[in-house]
N, C-alpha and C. Protein backbone atom coordinates (compact mmCIF):
# COMPACT_ATOMS: atom_id res chain seq x y z
N UNK A 1 7.83 -7.01 0.48
CA UNK A 1 7.69 -6.19 1.73
C UNK A 1 7.76 -7.16 2.94
N UNK A 2 8.69 -6.97 3.76
CA UNK A 2 8.75 -7.74 4.94
C UNK A 2 7.78 -7.44 6.08
N UNK A 3 7.39 -8.43 6.85
CA UNK A 3 6.39 -8.12 7.92
C UNK A 3 7.04 -7.09 8.94
N UNK A 4 6.22 -6.19 9.26
CA UNK A 4 6.57 -5.10 10.24
C UNK A 4 6.50 -5.71 11.61
N UNK A 5 7.51 -5.83 12.36
CA UNK A 5 7.37 -6.20 13.85
C UNK A 5 6.92 -5.14 14.82
N UNK A 6 6.65 -5.64 15.86
CA UNK A 6 6.05 -4.56 16.92
C UNK A 6 7.27 -3.72 17.29
N UNK A 7 8.46 -4.37 17.40
CA UNK A 7 9.74 -3.63 17.74
C UNK A 7 10.00 -2.55 16.71
N UNK A 8 9.76 -3.02 15.57
CA UNK A 8 10.12 -2.04 14.38
C UNK A 8 9.18 -0.83 14.51
N UNK A 9 7.92 -0.97 14.69
CA UNK A 9 6.96 0.11 14.82
C UNK A 9 7.29 0.99 15.96
N UNK A 10 7.58 0.19 17.23
CA UNK A 10 7.89 1.03 18.45
C UNK A 10 9.21 1.79 18.17
N UNK A 11 10.26 1.31 17.54
CA UNK A 11 11.33 2.03 17.32
C UNK A 11 11.19 3.31 16.43
N UNK A 12 10.27 3.20 15.53
CA UNK A 12 10.01 4.31 14.70
C UNK A 12 9.44 5.42 15.52
N UNK A 13 8.40 5.14 16.48
CA UNK A 13 7.81 6.22 17.38
C UNK A 13 8.89 6.67 18.24
N UNK A 14 9.71 5.91 18.86
CA UNK A 14 10.63 6.44 19.89
C UNK A 14 11.98 6.90 19.41
N UNK A 15 12.40 6.40 18.16
CA UNK A 15 13.53 6.75 17.77
C UNK A 15 13.63 7.70 16.51
N UNK A 16 12.57 7.67 15.87
CA UNK A 16 12.41 8.58 14.51
C UNK A 16 11.73 9.82 14.88
N UNK A 17 10.44 9.69 15.42
CA UNK A 17 9.74 10.74 15.74
C UNK A 17 10.18 11.44 17.02
N UNK A 18 10.27 12.87 17.04
CA UNK A 18 10.85 13.37 18.35
C UNK A 18 9.77 13.70 19.25
N UNK A 19 10.02 14.11 20.49
CA UNK A 19 9.12 14.31 21.38
C UNK A 19 8.05 15.26 20.97
N UNK A 20 8.33 16.40 20.38
CA UNK A 20 7.43 17.44 19.86
C UNK A 20 6.39 16.72 18.90
N UNK A 21 6.93 15.98 17.94
CA UNK A 21 6.01 15.35 17.08
C UNK A 21 5.03 14.30 17.73
N UNK A 22 5.62 13.61 18.67
CA UNK A 22 4.71 12.65 19.45
C UNK A 22 3.64 13.41 20.16
N UNK A 23 4.02 14.48 20.73
CA UNK A 23 3.02 15.35 21.47
C UNK A 23 1.94 15.91 20.60
N UNK A 24 2.45 16.35 19.42
CA UNK A 24 1.51 16.85 18.40
C UNK A 24 0.50 15.83 17.98
N UNK A 25 0.94 14.66 17.84
CA UNK A 25 0.14 13.42 17.43
C UNK A 25 -0.87 13.25 18.42
N UNK A 26 -0.51 13.28 19.72
CA UNK A 26 -1.52 13.05 20.77
C UNK A 26 -2.56 14.10 20.76
N UNK A 27 -2.19 15.32 20.57
CA UNK A 27 -3.23 16.43 20.36
C UNK A 27 -4.12 16.24 19.25
N UNK A 28 -3.51 15.81 18.08
CA UNK A 28 -4.29 15.60 16.99
C UNK A 28 -5.39 14.46 17.03
N UNK A 29 -4.97 13.35 17.78
CA UNK A 29 -5.85 12.28 18.00
C UNK A 29 -6.89 12.63 19.01
N UNK A 30 -6.86 13.49 19.59
CA UNK A 30 -7.96 13.94 20.48
C UNK A 30 -9.00 14.91 19.77
N UNK A 31 -8.56 15.16 18.56
CA UNK A 31 -9.45 16.09 17.75
C UNK A 31 -10.51 15.32 17.08
N UNK A 32 -11.44 16.05 16.34
CA UNK A 32 -12.36 15.35 15.45
C UNK A 32 -11.77 14.89 14.13
N UNK A 33 -10.78 15.55 13.58
CA UNK A 33 -10.08 15.03 12.33
C UNK A 33 -8.62 15.14 12.53
N UNK A 34 -8.05 14.16 13.12
CA UNK A 34 -6.65 14.04 13.38
C UNK A 34 -5.60 14.25 12.31
N UNK A 35 -6.04 13.92 11.00
CA UNK A 35 -5.01 13.89 9.98
C UNK A 35 -5.03 15.15 9.19
N UNK A 36 -5.92 16.15 9.47
CA UNK A 36 -5.94 17.38 8.83
C UNK A 36 -5.09 18.39 9.53
N UNK A 37 -3.96 18.44 9.25
CA UNK A 37 -3.05 19.31 9.97
C UNK A 37 -3.20 20.74 9.80
N UNK A 38 -3.88 21.08 8.77
CA UNK A 38 -4.33 22.53 8.50
C UNK A 38 -5.21 22.98 9.58
N UNK A 39 -5.92 22.14 10.19
CA UNK A 39 -6.95 22.41 11.21
C UNK A 39 -6.32 22.98 12.47
N UNK A 40 -4.94 22.84 12.64
CA UNK A 40 -4.34 23.07 13.81
C UNK A 40 -3.37 24.39 13.69
N UNK A 41 -3.10 25.05 14.76
CA UNK A 41 -2.21 26.22 14.83
C UNK A 41 -0.79 25.63 15.08
N UNK A 42 0.09 26.62 14.77
CA UNK A 42 1.54 26.26 15.02
C UNK A 42 1.69 26.30 16.57
N UNK A 43 2.67 25.55 17.12
CA UNK A 43 3.50 24.60 16.53
C UNK A 43 3.01 23.13 16.14
N UNK A 44 1.75 22.96 16.64
CA UNK A 44 1.17 21.55 16.46
C UNK A 44 1.20 21.30 14.89
N UNK A 45 0.71 22.18 14.17
CA UNK A 45 0.61 22.10 12.65
C UNK A 45 2.05 21.60 12.16
N UNK A 46 3.13 22.38 12.51
CA UNK A 46 4.40 22.13 11.97
C UNK A 46 4.98 20.84 12.37
N UNK A 47 4.75 20.32 13.57
CA UNK A 47 5.15 19.05 14.07
C UNK A 47 4.38 17.83 13.30
N UNK A 48 3.17 18.14 13.01
CA UNK A 48 2.40 17.06 12.28
C UNK A 48 2.89 16.91 10.78
N UNK A 49 3.23 18.04 10.31
CA UNK A 49 3.79 18.01 8.90
C UNK A 49 5.14 17.24 8.95
N UNK A 50 5.95 17.54 9.83
CA UNK A 50 7.30 16.87 9.87
C UNK A 50 7.11 15.46 10.18
N UNK A 51 6.23 15.13 11.09
CA UNK A 51 5.82 13.72 11.42
C UNK A 51 5.47 12.90 10.05
N UNK A 52 4.62 13.52 9.27
CA UNK A 52 4.09 12.91 8.12
C UNK A 52 5.19 12.66 7.16
N UNK A 53 6.11 13.68 7.04
CA UNK A 53 7.35 13.49 6.08
C UNK A 53 8.11 12.22 6.62
N UNK A 54 8.31 12.09 7.92
CA UNK A 54 9.08 10.93 8.33
C UNK A 54 8.26 9.54 8.15
N UNK A 55 6.97 9.75 8.19
CA UNK A 55 6.18 8.34 7.99
C UNK A 55 6.37 8.02 6.54
N UNK A 56 6.35 9.06 5.59
CA UNK A 56 6.35 8.75 4.17
C UNK A 56 7.81 8.23 3.91
N UNK A 57 8.86 8.82 4.38
CA UNK A 57 10.08 8.38 4.22
C UNK A 57 10.33 6.94 4.62
N UNK A 58 9.83 6.67 5.73
CA UNK A 58 9.94 5.26 6.43
C UNK A 58 9.21 4.18 5.47
N UNK A 59 8.08 4.54 5.03
CA UNK A 59 7.32 3.50 4.27
C UNK A 59 7.87 3.49 2.72
N UNK A 60 8.50 4.59 2.29
CA UNK A 60 9.07 4.60 0.93
C UNK A 60 10.11 3.50 0.89
N UNK A 61 10.77 3.23 2.02
CA UNK A 61 11.81 2.21 1.83
C UNK A 61 11.18 0.82 1.90
N UNK A 62 10.07 0.73 2.76
CA UNK A 62 9.57 -0.55 3.05
C UNK A 62 8.89 -1.17 1.81
N UNK A 63 8.38 -0.26 1.00
CA UNK A 63 7.55 -0.70 -0.17
C UNK A 63 8.55 -0.65 -1.40
N UNK A 64 9.81 -0.51 -1.18
CA UNK A 64 10.62 -0.49 -2.38
C UNK A 64 10.33 0.62 -3.47
N UNK A 65 9.86 1.66 -2.84
CA UNK A 65 9.53 2.80 -3.76
C UNK A 65 8.40 2.54 -4.85
N UNK A 66 7.52 1.60 -4.38
CA UNK A 66 6.39 1.16 -5.28
C UNK A 66 5.08 1.21 -4.43
N UNK A 67 3.99 1.52 -5.12
CA UNK A 67 2.69 1.54 -4.68
C UNK A 67 2.36 0.22 -3.94
N UNK A 68 1.84 0.09 -2.68
CA UNK A 68 1.71 -1.07 -2.01
C UNK A 68 0.54 -1.92 -2.58
N UNK A 69 -0.27 -1.29 -3.49
CA UNK A 69 -1.36 -2.07 -4.13
C UNK A 69 -1.08 -2.50 -5.52
N UNK A 70 -0.63 -1.61 -6.39
CA UNK A 70 -0.40 -1.95 -7.74
C UNK A 70 1.00 -2.15 -8.18
N UNK A 71 1.94 -1.78 -7.14
CA UNK A 71 3.42 -2.06 -7.31
C UNK A 71 4.09 -1.26 -8.46
N UNK A 72 3.34 -0.17 -8.91
CA UNK A 72 3.90 0.71 -9.95
C UNK A 72 5.10 1.46 -9.24
N UNK A 73 5.96 2.18 -9.88
CA UNK A 73 7.09 2.82 -9.29
C UNK A 73 6.46 4.18 -8.86
N UNK A 74 6.96 4.62 -7.61
CA UNK A 74 6.64 5.91 -7.10
C UNK A 74 8.00 6.87 -7.12
N UNK A 75 9.02 6.32 -7.72
CA UNK A 75 10.12 7.02 -7.86
C UNK A 75 9.90 8.32 -8.56
N UNK A 76 10.40 9.50 -7.87
CA UNK A 76 10.36 10.90 -8.37
C UNK A 76 8.77 11.16 -8.74
N UNK A 77 7.92 10.69 -7.85
CA UNK A 77 6.47 10.87 -8.17
C UNK A 77 5.78 11.33 -6.82
N UNK A 78 6.44 12.28 -6.06
CA UNK A 78 6.01 12.69 -4.71
C UNK A 78 4.54 13.29 -4.87
N UNK A 79 4.24 14.01 -6.01
CA UNK A 79 2.87 14.48 -6.06
C UNK A 79 1.80 13.50 -6.25
N UNK A 80 2.20 12.29 -6.86
CA UNK A 80 1.19 11.19 -7.04
C UNK A 80 1.16 10.23 -5.90
N UNK A 81 1.90 10.49 -4.83
CA UNK A 81 2.14 9.48 -3.80
C UNK A 81 1.40 9.98 -2.54
N UNK A 82 0.55 8.87 -2.06
CA UNK A 82 -0.32 9.24 -0.79
C UNK A 82 0.25 8.30 0.36
N UNK A 83 0.17 8.78 1.55
CA UNK A 83 0.25 8.14 2.67
C UNK A 83 -1.00 7.24 2.80
N UNK A 84 -0.98 6.00 2.83
CA UNK A 84 -2.24 5.06 2.65
C UNK A 84 -2.60 4.53 4.00
N UNK A 85 -3.81 4.76 4.40
CA UNK A 85 -4.37 4.11 5.72
C UNK A 85 -5.04 2.79 5.27
N UNK A 86 -4.50 1.56 5.57
CA UNK A 86 -4.99 0.36 5.35
C UNK A 86 -6.50 0.28 5.83
N UNK A 87 -6.50 0.54 7.13
CA UNK A 87 -7.83 0.71 7.73
C UNK A 87 -8.19 2.29 7.58
N UNK A 88 -9.19 2.65 6.94
CA UNK A 88 -9.41 4.09 6.58
C UNK A 88 -9.37 4.83 7.92
N UNK A 89 -8.74 6.05 7.91
CA UNK A 89 -8.67 6.84 8.98
C UNK A 89 -10.19 7.46 9.29
N UNK A 90 -11.03 7.57 8.33
CA UNK A 90 -12.37 8.05 8.71
C UNK A 90 -13.21 6.92 9.46
N UNK A 91 -12.84 5.72 9.48
CA UNK A 91 -13.45 4.73 10.24
C UNK A 91 -12.94 4.44 11.59
N UNK A 92 -11.51 4.57 11.60
CA UNK A 92 -10.83 4.32 12.89
C UNK A 92 -9.71 5.40 13.17
N UNK A 93 -10.29 6.70 13.56
CA UNK A 93 -9.28 7.77 13.71
C UNK A 93 -8.20 7.50 14.56
N UNK A 94 -8.37 6.65 15.53
CA UNK A 94 -7.27 6.39 16.55
C UNK A 94 -6.11 5.74 15.81
N UNK A 95 -6.26 5.21 14.62
CA UNK A 95 -5.19 4.56 13.93
C UNK A 95 -4.55 5.58 12.84
N UNK A 96 -5.01 6.84 12.84
CA UNK A 96 -4.62 7.71 11.87
C UNK A 96 -2.96 7.84 11.67
N UNK A 97 -2.30 7.84 12.92
CA UNK A 97 -0.85 7.96 12.79
C UNK A 97 -0.17 6.51 13.19
N UNK A 98 -0.97 5.49 13.33
CA UNK A 98 -0.32 4.16 13.65
C UNK A 98 0.58 3.77 12.51
N UNK A 99 1.82 3.73 12.65
CA UNK A 99 2.85 3.28 11.66
C UNK A 99 2.49 2.03 10.92
N UNK A 100 1.83 1.03 11.82
CA UNK A 100 1.48 -0.30 11.27
C UNK A 100 0.30 -0.12 10.30
N UNK A 101 -0.59 0.77 10.43
CA UNK A 101 -1.77 0.91 9.66
C UNK A 101 -1.47 1.80 8.60
N UNK A 102 -0.33 2.27 8.34
CA UNK A 102 0.08 3.12 7.08
C UNK A 102 1.04 2.48 6.11
N UNK A 103 0.91 2.92 4.99
CA UNK A 103 1.92 2.44 3.89
C UNK A 103 1.92 3.66 2.72
N UNK A 104 2.34 3.30 1.70
CA UNK A 104 2.37 4.24 0.63
C UNK A 104 1.68 3.75 -0.63
N UNK A 105 0.78 4.56 -1.25
CA UNK A 105 0.08 4.01 -2.48
C UNK A 105 0.04 5.27 -3.51
N UNK A 106 -0.13 4.91 -4.72
CA UNK A 106 -0.34 5.94 -5.81
C UNK A 106 -1.80 6.36 -5.58
N UNK A 107 -1.95 7.68 -5.98
CA UNK A 107 -3.25 8.36 -5.92
C UNK A 107 -4.30 7.46 -6.72
N UNK A 108 -3.99 6.94 -7.77
CA UNK A 108 -4.91 6.15 -8.50
C UNK A 108 -5.57 4.96 -7.65
N UNK A 109 -4.78 4.20 -6.89
CA UNK A 109 -5.20 3.19 -6.14
C UNK A 109 -5.92 3.70 -4.90
N UNK A 110 -5.35 4.69 -4.19
CA UNK A 110 -5.84 5.17 -3.05
C UNK A 110 -7.18 6.01 -3.23
N UNK A 111 -7.09 6.99 -4.01
CA UNK A 111 -8.17 7.82 -4.26
C UNK A 111 -9.30 7.41 -5.11
N UNK A 112 -9.00 6.78 -6.31
CA UNK A 112 -9.95 6.47 -7.27
C UNK A 112 -10.67 5.02 -6.85
N UNK A 113 -9.91 4.21 -6.34
CA UNK A 113 -10.49 2.87 -6.07
C UNK A 113 -10.71 2.46 -4.60
N UNK A 114 -9.77 2.81 -3.67
CA UNK A 114 -9.91 2.23 -2.30
C UNK A 114 -10.71 3.25 -1.40
N UNK A 115 -10.12 4.38 -1.36
CA UNK A 115 -10.84 5.47 -0.56
C UNK A 115 -11.08 5.11 0.85
N UNK A 116 -12.33 5.27 1.21
CA UNK A 116 -12.86 4.95 2.53
C UNK A 116 -13.34 3.53 2.65
N UNK A 117 -13.36 2.82 1.63
CA UNK A 117 -14.03 1.48 1.58
C UNK A 117 -13.36 0.55 2.54
N UNK A 118 -14.22 -0.37 3.14
CA UNK A 118 -13.67 -1.47 4.27
C UNK A 118 -14.04 -2.80 3.73
N UNK A 119 -14.30 -2.96 2.55
CA UNK A 119 -14.70 -4.34 1.98
C UNK A 119 -13.47 -5.34 2.32
N UNK A 120 -12.20 -4.85 2.29
CA UNK A 120 -11.16 -5.62 2.44
C UNK A 120 -10.80 -6.04 3.82
N UNK A 121 -11.67 -5.53 4.89
CA UNK A 121 -11.48 -5.95 6.32
C UNK A 121 -12.63 -6.87 6.73
N UNK A 122 -12.12 -7.86 7.57
CA UNK A 122 -13.19 -8.69 8.13
C UNK A 122 -13.71 -8.03 9.42
N UNK A 123 -14.91 -7.76 9.58
CA UNK A 123 -15.52 -7.30 10.75
C UNK A 123 -14.86 -5.94 11.22
N UNK A 124 -14.96 -4.90 10.48
CA UNK A 124 -14.26 -3.62 10.61
C UNK A 124 -14.50 -3.06 11.96
N UNK A 125 -15.76 -3.30 12.66
CA UNK A 125 -16.12 -2.78 13.85
C UNK A 125 -15.32 -3.21 14.96
N UNK A 126 -14.63 -4.31 14.83
CA UNK A 126 -13.74 -4.95 15.93
C UNK A 126 -12.18 -4.88 15.52
N UNK A 127 -11.85 -4.31 14.40
CA UNK A 127 -10.58 -4.39 13.94
C UNK A 127 -9.55 -3.66 14.68
N UNK A 128 -9.86 -2.70 15.42
CA UNK A 128 -8.94 -1.78 16.06
C UNK A 128 -7.98 -2.57 17.06
N UNK A 129 -8.60 -3.51 17.87
CA UNK A 129 -7.70 -4.26 18.81
C UNK A 129 -7.05 -5.50 18.27
N UNK A 130 -7.47 -5.66 16.89
CA UNK A 130 -6.94 -6.99 16.26
C UNK A 130 -6.26 -6.65 15.02
N UNK A 131 -5.68 -5.54 14.77
CA UNK A 131 -5.21 -5.06 13.49
C UNK A 131 -3.98 -5.70 13.02
N UNK A 132 -3.34 -6.44 13.88
CA UNK A 132 -2.20 -7.22 13.38
C UNK A 132 -2.53 -8.64 13.02
N UNK A 133 -3.63 -8.95 13.11
CA UNK A 133 -4.06 -10.34 12.73
C UNK A 133 -4.21 -10.51 11.24
N UNK A 134 -3.40 -11.34 10.58
CA UNK A 134 -3.38 -11.38 9.01
C UNK A 134 -4.76 -11.91 8.44
N UNK A 135 -5.50 -12.63 9.43
CA UNK A 135 -6.83 -13.21 8.91
C UNK A 135 -7.95 -12.21 8.87
N UNK A 136 -7.64 -10.98 9.39
CA UNK A 136 -8.65 -9.98 9.31
C UNK A 136 -8.62 -9.06 8.01
N UNK A 137 -7.78 -9.45 7.09
CA UNK A 137 -7.78 -8.79 5.86
C UNK A 137 -7.88 -9.69 4.64
N UNK A 138 -8.59 -9.32 3.59
CA UNK A 138 -8.87 -10.05 2.48
C UNK A 138 -7.92 -9.68 1.33
N UNK A 139 -7.07 -8.81 1.70
CA UNK A 139 -5.96 -8.42 0.60
C UNK A 139 -4.63 -8.54 1.36
N UNK A 140 -3.46 -8.68 0.63
CA UNK A 140 -2.20 -8.74 1.16
C UNK A 140 -2.00 -7.40 1.92
N UNK A 141 -1.81 -7.46 3.12
CA UNK A 141 -1.47 -6.30 3.97
C UNK A 141 -0.13 -5.81 3.84
N UNK A 142 0.30 -4.59 3.47
CA UNK A 142 1.60 -4.19 3.28
C UNK A 142 2.54 -4.38 4.30
N UNK A 143 2.13 -4.33 5.57
CA UNK A 143 3.00 -4.56 6.76
C UNK A 143 2.88 -5.93 7.31
N UNK A 144 2.15 -6.77 6.64
CA UNK A 144 2.05 -8.39 7.13
C UNK A 144 2.55 -9.28 6.18
N UNK A 145 2.04 -9.19 5.08
CA UNK A 145 2.25 -10.11 3.98
C UNK A 145 3.35 -9.83 3.01
N UNK A 146 3.89 -10.73 2.43
CA UNK A 146 4.79 -10.51 1.24
C UNK A 146 3.90 -10.49 -0.05
N UNK A 147 3.92 -9.33 -0.67
CA UNK A 147 3.05 -9.09 -1.79
C UNK A 147 3.17 -10.17 -2.84
N UNK A 148 4.44 -10.51 -3.08
CA UNK A 148 4.59 -11.52 -4.19
C UNK A 148 4.26 -12.92 -3.81
N UNK A 149 3.93 -13.19 -2.71
CA UNK A 149 3.30 -14.42 -2.29
C UNK A 149 1.90 -14.57 -2.81
N UNK A 150 1.33 -13.40 -3.08
CA UNK A 150 -0.09 -13.40 -3.38
C UNK A 150 -0.46 -12.89 -4.76
N UNK A 151 0.44 -12.02 -5.30
CA UNK A 151 0.26 -11.26 -6.50
C UNK A 151 1.60 -10.83 -7.08
N UNK A 152 1.76 -11.11 -8.47
CA UNK A 152 3.07 -10.73 -8.97
C UNK A 152 2.65 -9.84 -10.13
N UNK A 153 3.28 -8.65 -10.28
CA UNK A 153 3.29 -7.72 -11.45
C UNK A 153 4.38 -7.96 -12.36
N UNK A 154 3.92 -8.31 -13.64
CA UNK A 154 4.90 -8.51 -14.65
C UNK A 154 4.82 -7.47 -15.75
N UNK A 155 5.84 -6.76 -15.99
CA UNK A 155 5.84 -5.55 -16.82
C UNK A 155 7.11 -5.66 -17.73
N UNK A 156 6.96 -5.47 -18.96
CA UNK A 156 8.05 -5.42 -19.94
C UNK A 156 7.78 -4.42 -20.98
N UNK A 157 8.64 -3.57 -21.29
CA UNK A 157 8.61 -2.64 -22.25
C UNK A 157 9.79 -2.64 -23.20
N UNK A 158 9.38 -2.69 -24.55
CA UNK A 158 10.44 -2.72 -25.70
C UNK A 158 10.17 -1.62 -26.50
N UNK A 159 10.96 -0.50 -26.40
CA UNK A 159 10.62 0.72 -27.24
C UNK A 159 9.29 1.20 -26.78
N UNK A 160 8.35 1.52 -27.70
CA UNK A 160 7.06 2.10 -27.35
C UNK A 160 6.05 1.08 -26.99
N UNK A 161 6.42 -0.32 -27.20
CA UNK A 161 5.56 -1.42 -26.84
C UNK A 161 5.58 -1.82 -25.34
N UNK A 162 4.54 -2.19 -24.82
CA UNK A 162 4.51 -2.52 -23.42
C UNK A 162 3.55 -3.72 -23.09
N UNK A 163 4.07 -4.49 -22.21
CA UNK A 163 3.24 -5.71 -21.75
C UNK A 163 3.21 -5.49 -20.12
N UNK A 164 1.99 -5.44 -19.64
CA UNK A 164 1.88 -5.60 -18.22
C UNK A 164 0.73 -6.49 -17.93
N UNK A 165 1.05 -7.29 -16.85
CA UNK A 165 0.08 -8.16 -16.36
C UNK A 165 0.23 -8.46 -14.85
N UNK A 166 -0.74 -9.07 -14.24
CA UNK A 166 -0.71 -9.46 -12.84
C UNK A 166 -1.07 -10.91 -12.72
N UNK A 167 -0.24 -11.75 -12.07
CA UNK A 167 -0.55 -13.03 -11.77
C UNK A 167 -1.12 -13.24 -10.35
N UNK A 168 -2.36 -13.70 -10.39
CA UNK A 168 -3.17 -13.85 -8.99
C UNK A 168 -2.71 -15.25 -8.43
N UNK A 169 -2.14 -15.28 -7.33
CA UNK A 169 -1.67 -16.62 -6.88
C UNK A 169 -2.47 -17.05 -5.82
N UNK A 170 -3.07 -16.26 -4.97
CA UNK A 170 -4.00 -16.62 -3.88
C UNK A 170 -5.30 -15.86 -3.85
N UNK A 171 -6.26 -16.20 -3.03
CA UNK A 171 -7.62 -15.45 -3.10
C UNK A 171 -7.29 -14.12 -2.57
N UNK A 172 -6.33 -13.77 -1.79
CA UNK A 172 -6.02 -12.41 -1.37
C UNK A 172 -5.55 -11.67 -2.52
N UNK A 173 -4.74 -12.25 -3.26
CA UNK A 173 -4.19 -11.52 -4.49
C UNK A 173 -5.29 -11.34 -5.52
N UNK A 174 -6.19 -12.18 -5.58
CA UNK A 174 -7.43 -11.93 -6.43
C UNK A 174 -8.27 -10.91 -5.87
N UNK A 175 -8.44 -10.76 -4.75
CA UNK A 175 -9.19 -9.83 -4.15
C UNK A 175 -8.66 -8.40 -4.39
N UNK A 176 -7.44 -8.23 -4.19
CA UNK A 176 -6.77 -6.99 -4.34
C UNK A 176 -6.87 -6.59 -5.73
N UNK A 177 -6.78 -7.59 -6.74
CA UNK A 177 -6.72 -7.33 -8.22
C UNK A 177 -7.99 -6.79 -8.50
N UNK A 178 -9.12 -7.20 -8.00
CA UNK A 178 -10.46 -6.80 -8.27
C UNK A 178 -10.78 -5.55 -7.43
N UNK A 179 -10.30 -5.40 -6.27
CA UNK A 179 -10.59 -4.34 -5.45
C UNK A 179 -10.15 -2.87 -5.91
N UNK A 180 -8.84 -2.87 -6.38
CA UNK A 180 -8.35 -1.64 -7.03
C UNK A 180 -8.20 -1.73 -8.48
N UNK A 181 -9.03 -2.61 -9.05
CA UNK A 181 -9.07 -2.80 -10.58
C UNK A 181 -7.79 -2.70 -11.27
N UNK A 182 -6.93 -3.77 -10.91
CA UNK A 182 -5.65 -3.80 -11.55
C UNK A 182 -5.79 -4.24 -13.07
N UNK A 183 -6.99 -4.86 -13.34
CA UNK A 183 -7.11 -5.14 -14.70
C UNK A 183 -7.06 -3.97 -15.66
N UNK A 184 -7.24 -2.75 -15.15
CA UNK A 184 -7.33 -1.52 -15.92
C UNK A 184 -5.91 -1.07 -16.24
N UNK A 185 -4.76 -1.74 -15.60
CA UNK A 185 -3.53 -1.38 -15.77
C UNK A 185 -2.83 -2.42 -16.65
N UNK A 186 -3.57 -3.44 -17.03
CA UNK A 186 -2.98 -4.48 -17.91
C UNK A 186 -2.86 -3.93 -19.32
N UNK A 187 -1.72 -4.21 -19.91
CA UNK A 187 -1.56 -3.70 -21.27
C UNK A 187 -0.83 -4.93 -22.11
N UNK A 188 -1.27 -5.21 -23.23
CA UNK A 188 -0.82 -6.27 -24.10
C UNK A 188 -0.45 -5.85 -25.52
N UNK A 189 0.50 -5.04 -25.65
CA UNK A 189 1.01 -4.49 -26.89
C UNK A 189 2.13 -5.39 -27.61
N UNK A 190 2.56 -6.38 -26.84
CA UNK A 190 3.47 -7.33 -27.33
C UNK A 190 2.90 -8.79 -27.53
N UNK A 191 1.60 -8.82 -27.87
CA UNK A 191 0.92 -10.08 -27.97
C UNK A 191 1.21 -10.66 -29.29
N UNK A 192 2.41 -11.13 -29.48
CA UNK A 192 2.85 -11.81 -30.78
C UNK A 192 3.34 -13.23 -30.36
N UNK A 193 3.19 -14.07 -31.46
CA UNK A 193 3.56 -15.36 -31.23
C UNK A 193 5.16 -15.50 -31.29
N UNK A 194 5.71 -16.29 -30.37
CA UNK A 194 7.21 -16.66 -30.38
C UNK A 194 7.26 -18.02 -30.06
N UNK A 195 7.52 -18.78 -31.31
CA UNK A 195 7.55 -20.27 -31.13
C UNK A 195 6.39 -20.89 -30.66
N UNK A 196 5.25 -20.36 -31.05
CA UNK A 196 3.88 -20.89 -30.69
C UNK A 196 3.32 -20.35 -29.26
N UNK A 197 4.19 -19.39 -28.61
CA UNK A 197 3.68 -18.98 -27.32
C UNK A 197 3.61 -17.50 -27.39
N UNK A 198 2.57 -16.91 -26.63
CA UNK A 198 2.44 -15.53 -26.51
C UNK A 198 3.49 -15.00 -25.58
N UNK A 199 3.76 -13.74 -25.57
CA UNK A 199 4.71 -13.13 -24.72
C UNK A 199 4.38 -13.22 -23.36
N UNK A 200 3.23 -13.27 -22.81
CA UNK A 200 2.90 -13.41 -21.41
C UNK A 200 3.29 -14.80 -20.94
N UNK A 201 3.18 -15.83 -21.88
CA UNK A 201 3.53 -17.25 -21.55
C UNK A 201 5.02 -17.27 -21.47
N UNK A 202 5.76 -16.61 -22.35
CA UNK A 202 7.27 -16.64 -22.46
C UNK A 202 7.69 -16.02 -21.07
N UNK A 203 7.25 -14.67 -20.74
CA UNK A 203 7.58 -14.13 -19.42
C UNK A 203 7.34 -14.98 -18.21
N UNK A 204 6.26 -15.59 -18.27
CA UNK A 204 5.96 -16.57 -17.08
C UNK A 204 6.89 -17.59 -17.04
N UNK A 205 7.20 -18.19 -18.17
CA UNK A 205 8.15 -19.32 -18.18
C UNK A 205 9.49 -18.75 -17.60
N UNK A 206 10.02 -17.56 -18.10
CA UNK A 206 11.31 -17.16 -17.58
C UNK A 206 11.35 -16.99 -16.18
N UNK A 207 10.21 -16.33 -15.62
CA UNK A 207 10.22 -16.18 -14.23
C UNK A 207 9.75 -17.27 -13.35
N UNK A 208 9.34 -18.23 -13.90
CA UNK A 208 8.97 -19.50 -13.27
C UNK A 208 7.66 -19.13 -12.40
N UNK A 209 6.77 -18.53 -12.96
CA UNK A 209 5.59 -18.21 -12.28
C UNK A 209 4.44 -18.81 -13.00
N UNK A 210 3.26 -19.13 -12.45
CA UNK A 210 2.16 -19.73 -13.06
C UNK A 210 1.40 -18.86 -13.76
N UNK A 211 0.84 -19.08 -14.83
CA UNK A 211 -0.29 -18.35 -15.58
C UNK A 211 -1.68 -18.51 -14.89
N UNK A 212 -2.48 -17.65 -14.80
CA UNK A 212 -3.75 -17.61 -14.18
C UNK A 212 -4.38 -18.84 -14.61
N UNK A 213 -4.92 -19.50 -13.55
CA UNK A 213 -5.66 -20.86 -13.71
C UNK A 213 -4.87 -21.91 -13.79
N UNK A 214 -3.54 -21.86 -13.91
CA UNK A 214 -2.58 -23.06 -13.90
C UNK A 214 -2.35 -23.60 -12.52
């Protein structure tokens, strides 16, 4: 996931969102709960819905059709896909429609584990004016960091057998691994010896990535 530049974010607002959608977002941001489009009457509601579709489409490409946290595929899984607020909208409602503060996540990561937590943010009370600072996040930020610089998902399936593991490369990768309980997604059904090595070691060697603790 490449870093999102300020120009890229500005282009989305000015070139992808139309004037009616931008106006609807302004109205929403002045309300108590900006993200709940059902709270508004038409045409505001309609324009918020279309704006959210454009936000989802934009980030779908940025995250290569994968959850920004666990990196599992979101292909053909619209019902399982959430527009994710890295800084929870319940904490900083002004960032509810900020394209930089949004990404895509699976419902498992977003709803079950992350939710409205702010453990991954350094000094959340002052984050609003400093949200582009990479040092303010304890996890790989989907719009700042390259995920694979911090955490690598390795998944192999052979018939009905599967191997899935995560290689934690940096403290941020480790934090994310613990934060959304990626250990719960690890599967080792191919744990058989191959020339004295286990499958996870063989995969790591092929991909030239370090095993944990190496």
